[in-house]
Amino acid sequence: MARFEGVYVAIVTPFTSSYEVDYKRLTELCDWLINQGVNGLVPTGSLGEYATMSNEERAKVVETVIAAAAGRVPVVVGSASPSTEQAVAWVRHAKESGAAGVMALPPINYKPLEHEVIAHYEALNTVGLPIIAYNNPHDYKVDLTPDLLAKLSKLENVVAVKEFSGDIRRVHEILAKTDLEVMIGVDDLAMEGPLFGATGWISGVPNALPKEGVELFNLARQGKVKEASELYRHLLPLFHFDASPQLVQSIKYMMELADFPVGPTRPPRLPLPEADYQAIKKAFEYAVDRK
């Protein structure tokens, strides 16, 4: 049985109008998502704007989410950092705080050689917390190919991969070459992924539409292609925004449309052009209007 099964939401970080972390709203967000049926929470990922936070803020966000979850769902913490030493420290903090695991990128500050990637995960592995390796070759300089994942899977605590390459064929190859759980990492493969063996989905748009996300993923896992397709076609235009560099602004605006506002994004992320907001609104209305 998969350890990280179902829909895990890579949660946004709510900010006040003066860009302070809104911990009260963060607690409310966690509670709302859990009550809507999501299977897990992932704080301090790129969608959570971890790179804009001080160490104190980042630690408190993790602790706040774990306290809000209160054991109802697992919490998987994003551990991305400029150095391996810092990443190890965040994995250690996650473990001490009661997290179920970490979502761990390879080295992010330059293009590492294969043995450097492996050494990075070996260091994270020593902490003793389950690791979801995060493959995002679009935003970072390394591709965790199925062959490389086969090597990483030999590490005791590397148990899953968040697959963000956008190539659905990767799911088949990873399952053939490794014993890792596969979690789809981009929303616009949220139906195809579970149809072809992904047991989890680390999602973005379900910050705003959690019920719909859970329904879609469950239908696809059950092989109900007709029902899943009908829902997916309505959600897909909205899901495409998760694959854009402006995903944080887009998803925070979706949450406003869903009557769960979470404040602005922190600079350097600024408000989008008005035409972008109109496109998101049109896609959101299409997503929720399934008559």
Protein backbone atom coordinates (compact mmCIF):
# COMPACT_ATOMS: atom_id res chain seq x y z
CA MET A 1 0.00 0.00 0.00
CA ALA A 2 1.26 3.48 -0.86
CA ARG A 3 2.52 5.59 2.00
CA PHE A 4 1.50 8.92 0.44
CA GLU A 5 -1.79 8.05 -1.19
CA GLY A 6 -4.37 10.39 -2.64
CA VAL A 7 -4.50 14.16 -3.05
CA TYR A 8 -1.87 16.14 -1.16
CA VAL A 9 -2.26 19.90 -1.50
CA ALA A 10 0.89 21.99 -1.86
CA ILE A 11 -0.58 24.74 0.24
CA VAL A 12 -0.14 28.44 -0.35
CA THR A 13 1.06 30.68 2.47
CA PRO A 14 -1.49 33.34 3.39
CA PHE A 15 -0.11 36.87 3.80
CA THR A 16 -1.63 40.03 5.21
CA SER A 17 -1.88 43.17 3.08
CA SER A 18 1.49 44.21 4.56
CA TYR A 19 3.07 40.87 3.51
CA GLU A 20 3.26 39.37 7.01
CA VAL A 21 2.58 35.64 7.29
CA ASP A 22 -1.05 35.22 8.38
CA TYR A 23 -0.74 32.19 10.66
CA LYS A 24 -4.38 32.36 11.72
CA ARG A 25 -5.52 32.16 8.10
CA LEU A 26 -3.02 29.37 7.50
CA THR A 27 -4.62 27.34 10.29
CA GLU A 28 -8.06 28.03 8.80
CA LEU A 29 -6.84 26.94 5.37
CA CYS A 30 -5.51 23.64 6.70
CA ASP A 31 -8.75 22.97 8.55
CA TRP A 32 -10.87 23.81 5.49
CA LEU A 33 -8.83 21.59 3.15
CA ILE A 34 -8.97 18.66 5.57
CA ASN A 35 -12.73 19.07 6.00
CA GLN A 36 -13.07 19.11 2.20
CA GLY A 37 -11.48 15.66 2.05
CA VAL A 38 -7.87 16.14 0.98
CA ASN A 39 -5.48 13.37 1.99
CA GLY A 40 -2.42 15.39 2.99
CA LEU A 41 -0.80 18.83 3.21
CA VAL A 42 2.52 20.04 1.81
CA PRO A 43 3.76 23.36 3.24
CA THR A 44 6.87 25.33 2.22
CA GLY A 45 6.96 24.26 -1.39
CA SER A 46 7.43 26.74 -4.21
CA LEU A 47 3.67 27.35 -4.18
CA GLY A 48 4.07 28.22 -0.49
CA GLU A 49 6.65 30.90 -1.38
CA TYR A 50 9.26 29.36 0.91
CA ALA A 51 12.08 31.28 -0.79
CA THR A 52 10.66 34.61 0.41
CA MET A 53 10.56 33.60 4.08
CA SER A 54 12.98 34.09 6.92
CA ASN A 55 14.10 30.93 8.71
CA GLU A 56 11.87 31.87 11.64
CA GLU A 57 8.82 32.29 9.43
CA ARG A 58 9.49 29.07 7.56
CA ALA A 59 9.86 27.06 10.76
CA LYS A 60 6.68 28.56 12.20
CA VAL A 61 4.72 27.82 9.01
CA VAL A 62 5.74 24.15 9.24
CA GLU A 63 4.87 23.97 12.92
CA THR A 64 1.55 25.75 12.36
CA VAL A 65 0.49 23.34 9.60
CA ILE A 66 1.43 20.26 11.63
CA ALA A 67 -0.46 21.61 14.65
CA ALA A 68 -3.50 22.44 12.50
CA ALA A 69 -3.51 18.99 10.90
CA ALA A 70 -3.46 17.49 14.40
CA GLY A 71 -2.85 14.01 13.05
CA ARG A 72 -5.95 14.03 10.82
CA VAL A 73 -3.86 13.92 7.64
CA PRO A 74 -0.11 13.55 7.03
CA VAL A 75 2.02 16.65 6.54
CA VAL A 76 4.91 16.48 4.05
CA VAL A 77 7.32 19.41 4.31
CA GLY A 78 9.16 21.06 1.41
CA SER A 79 12.87 21.04 2.21
CA ALA A 80 14.38 22.94 -0.74
CA SER A 81 17.43 25.02 0.21
CA PRO A 82 20.52 26.48 -1.49
CA SER A 83 22.87 24.06 0.27
CA THR A 84 22.73 20.43 1.29
CA GLU A 85 23.49 21.38 4.89
CA GLN A 86 20.49 23.71 5.00
CA ALA A 87 18.23 21.11 3.39
CA VAL A 88 19.31 18.52 5.96
CA ALA A 89 18.49 21.01 8.72
CA TRP A 90 14.97 21.49 7.33
CA VAL A 91 14.44 17.72 7.10
CA ARG A 92 15.58 17.43 10.70
CA HIS A 93 13.22 20.22 11.74
CA ALA A 94 10.36 18.51 9.91
CA LYS A 95 11.06 15.25 11.71
CA GLU A 96 11.29 16.91 15.11
CA SER A 97 8.04 18.79 14.43
CA GLY A 98 6.11 15.61 13.62
CA ALA A 99 5.98 15.62 9.82
CA ALA A 100 5.21 12.40 7.96
CA GLY A 101 7.85 13.08 5.33
CA VAL A 102 9.59 15.66 3.18
CA MET A 103 9.35 16.72 -0.44
CA ALA A 104 12.97 17.13 -1.47
CA LEU A 105 14.37 18.78 -4.57
CA PRO A 106 17.87 17.93 -5.79
CA PRO A 107 20.50 20.70 -5.51
CA ILE A 108 18.85 23.85 -6.86
CA ASN A 109 21.57 26.48 -7.13
CA TYR A 110 23.51 25.04 -10.07
CA LYS A 111 23.51 22.07 -12.43
CA PRO A 112 24.93 19.22 -10.35
CA LEU A 113 26.65 16.10 -11.61
CA GLU A 114 24.95 12.78 -10.98
CA HIS A 115 27.17 11.84 -8.05
CA GLU A 116 26.40 15.21 -6.45
CA VAL A 117 22.67 14.58 -6.77
CA ILE A 118 23.07 11.18 -5.16
CA ALA A 119 25.26 12.59 -2.37
CA HIS A 120 22.62 15.25 -1.68
CA TYR A 121 19.90 12.65 -1.20
CA GLU A 122 22.25 10.43 0.80
CA ALA A 123 22.69 13.30 3.25
CA LEU A 124 18.91 13.83 3.51
CA ASN A 125 18.45 10.08 3.93
CA THR A 126 20.52 10.05 7.13
CA VAL A 127 17.87 12.03 9.02
CA GLY A 128 15.49 9.08 8.95
CA LEU A 129 12.34 10.67 7.55
CA PRO A 130 10.52 9.39 4.43
CA ILE A 131 11.54 11.35 1.33
CA ILE A 132 9.52 12.20 -1.77
CA ALA A 133 12.14 13.13 -4.38
CA TYR A 134 10.87 16.08 -6.40
CA ASN A 135 11.62 16.02 -10.12
CA ASN A 136 11.08 19.43 -11.71
CA PRO A 137 13.44 19.77 -14.70
CA HIS A 138 11.58 22.84 -15.99
CA ASP A 139 12.37 25.13 -13.06
CA TYR A 140 15.65 23.57 -11.91
CA LYS A 141 18.74 22.33 -13.67
CA VAL A 142 18.54 18.59 -13.06
CA ASP A 143 16.24 15.88 -14.37
CA LEU A 144 15.64 12.95 -12.05
CA THR A 145 15.32 10.43 -14.86
CA PRO A 146 13.91 6.96 -14.22
CA ASP A 147 17.46 5.55 -14.34
CA LEU A 148 18.67 8.06 -11.74
CA LEU A 149 15.61 7.44 -9.59
CA ALA A 150 16.44 3.73 -9.70
CA LYS A 151 19.73 4.58 -7.99
CA LEU A 152 18.11 6.92 -5.48
CA SER A 153 15.47 4.33 -4.64
CA LYS A 154 18.17 2.18 -3.10
CA LEU A 155 18.32 4.70 -0.25
CA GLU A 156 16.17 3.45 2.59
CA ASN A 157 14.12 6.61 3.08
CA VAL A 158 13.60 7.63 -0.57
CA VAL A 159 10.14 6.11 -1.01
CA ALA A 160 8.37 8.21 -3.63
CA VAL A 161 8.80 10.73 -6.42
CA LYS A 162 6.84 13.85 -7.28
CA GLU A 163 6.90 13.68 -11.09
CA PHE A 164 6.72 17.14 -12.66
CA SER A 165 8.32 16.54 -16.05
CA GLY A 166 4.95 16.70 -17.79
CA ASP A 167 5.65 13.47 -19.68
CA ILE A 168 3.10 10.83 -18.72
CA ARG A 169 5.39 8.14 -20.15
CA ARG A 170 7.67 8.74 -17.17
CA VAL A 171 5.10 7.17 -14.84
CA HIS A 172 5.31 3.86 -16.68
CA GLU A 173 9.11 3.87 -16.77
CA ILE A 174 9.52 4.82 -13.11
CA LEU A 175 7.15 2.06 -12.02
CA ALA A 176 9.02 -0.43 -14.23
CA LYS A 177 12.51 0.53 -13.02
CA THR A 178 11.97 1.40 -9.35
CA ASP A 179 9.89 0.48 -6.34
CA LEU A 180 8.97 4.13 -5.74
CA GLU A 181 5.47 5.46 -5.30
CA VAL A 182 4.69 7.95 -8.06
CA MET A 183 2.91 11.19 -7.20
CA ILE A 184 1.85 13.37 -10.11
CA GLY A 185 3.28 16.83 -9.59
CA VAL A 186 1.53 18.90 -12.26
CA ASP A 187 -2.21 19.45 -12.23
CA ASP A 188 -2.82 19.00 -15.94
CA LEU A 189 -1.89 15.31 -15.68
CA ALA A 190 -4.15 14.74 -12.68
CA MET A 191 -6.35 12.28 -14.57
CA GLU A 192 -3.74 10.53 -16.70
CA GLY A 193 -1.39 9.98 -13.74
CA PRO A 194 -3.69 7.84 -11.60
CA LEU A 195 -5.01 6.03 -14.66
CA PHE A 196 -1.48 4.80 -15.34
CA GLY A 197 -0.35 3.93 -11.83
CA ALA A 198 0.32 7.10 -9.85
CA THR A 199 -1.01 6.62 -6.34
CA GLY A 200 -0.72 10.25 -5.26
CA TRP A 201 -0.98 13.80 -6.55
CA ILE A 202 0.79 16.80 -5.06
CA SER A 203 -1.60 19.43 -6.32
CA GLY A 204 -1.97 23.18 -6.70
CA VAL A 205 -5.44 24.17 -7.92
CA PRO A 206 -7.13 22.07 -5.17
CA ASN A 207 -6.11 24.88 -2.81
CA ALA A 208 -9.20 26.53 -4.32
CA LEU A 209 -11.23 23.49 -5.43
CA PRO A 210 -10.33 20.64 -3.07
CA LYS A 211 -13.56 18.64 -3.42
CA GLU A 212 -13.31 18.62 -7.20
CA GLY A 213 -9.65 17.59 -7.05
CA VAL A 214 -10.34 14.69 -4.73
CA GLU A 215 -13.32 13.57 -6.81
CA LEU A 216 -11.30 13.62 -10.03
CA PHE A 217 -8.35 11.71 -8.61
CA ASN A 218 -10.55 9.05 -7.04
CA LEU A 219 -12.55 8.54 -10.22
CA ALA A 220 -9.36 8.09 -12.23
CA ARG A 221 -7.84 5.68 -9.71
CA GLN A 222 -11.02 3.62 -9.88
CA GLY A 223 -10.72 3.48 -13.69
CA LYS A 224 -13.97 5.37 -14.20
CA VAL A 225 -12.72 7.02 -17.37
CA LYS A 226 -16.03 8.44 -18.61
CA GLU A 227 -16.92 10.11 -15.30
CA ALA A 228 -13.37 11.32 -14.72
CA SER A 229 -13.11 12.73 -18.24
CA GLU A 230 -16.30 14.76 -17.91
CA LEU A 231 -15.00 16.42 -14.75
CA TYR A 232 -11.43 16.74 -16.01
CA ARG A 233 -12.43 18.60 -19.16
CA HIS A 234 -14.04 21.27 -17.04
CA LEU A 235 -11.04 21.52 -14.72
CA LEU A 236 -8.29 21.28 -17.33
CA PRO A 237 -8.25 24.94 -18.48
CA LEU A 238 -7.78 25.94 -14.84
CA PHE A 239 -5.18 23.22 -14.22
CA HIS A 240 -2.97 24.61 -17.00
CA PHE A 241 -2.24 27.63 -14.79
CA ASP A 242 -0.49 25.30 -12.31
CA ALA A 243 2.16 24.58 -14.96
CA SER A 244 3.00 28.28 -15.42
CA PRO A 245 5.75 30.22 -13.61
CA GLN A 246 2.95 32.51 -12.35
CA LEU A 247 1.18 29.63 -10.59
CA VAL A 248 1.29 31.30 -7.17
CA GLN A 249 -0.47 34.48 -8.27
CA SER A 250 -2.93 32.41 -10.31
CA ILE A 251 -3.87 30.01 -7.56
CA LYS A 252 -4.17 32.74 -4.94
CA TYR A 253 -6.61 34.50 -7.28
CA MET A 254 -8.56 31.25 -7.73
CA MET A 255 -8.88 31.09 -3.94
CA GLU A 256 -10.32 34.60 -3.97
CA LEU A 257 -12.85 33.44 -6.56
CA ALA A 258 -13.62 30.45 -4.32
CA ASP A 259 -14.39 32.83 -1.43
CA PHE A 260 -11.31 31.79 0.52
CA PRO A 261 -8.93 34.75 0.06
CA VAL A 262 -5.38 34.35 1.34
CA GLY A 263 -3.86 37.73 0.57
CA PRO A 264 -1.17 38.79 -1.91
CA THR A 265 2.01 37.16 -3.10
CA ARG A 266 5.32 38.47 -1.80
CA PRO A 267 7.63 40.36 -4.14
CA PRO A 268 9.25 39.67 -6.47
CA ARG A 269 5.89 38.14 -7.39
CA LEU A 270 3.58 41.04 -8.23
CA PRO A 271 -0.06 41.19 -9.36
CA LEU A 272 -0.66 39.83 -12.85
CA PRO A 273 -1.88 41.84 -15.84
CA GLU A 274 -5.65 42.26 -15.84
CA ALA A 275 -6.00 40.07 -18.95
CA ASP A 276 -4.47 37.16 -17.03
CA TYR A 277 -6.99 37.55 -14.23
CA GLN A 278 -9.81 37.59 -16.75
CA ALA A 279 -8.52 34.34 -18.27
CA ILE A 280 -8.30 32.70 -14.84
CA LYS A 281 -11.80 33.86 -13.96
CA LYS A 282 -13.20 32.47 -17.21
CA ALA A 283 -11.51 29.10 -16.57
CA PHE A 284 -12.70 29.08 -12.95
CA GLU A 285 -16.30 29.73 -13.95
CA TYR A 286 -16.09 26.91 -16.50
CA ALA A 287 -14.66 24.61 -13.84
CA VAL A 288 -17.46 25.14 -11.36
CA ASP A 289 -20.30 25.27 -13.88
CA ARG A 290 -20.86 21.62 -14.82
CA LYS A 291 -24.58 21.62 -15.54
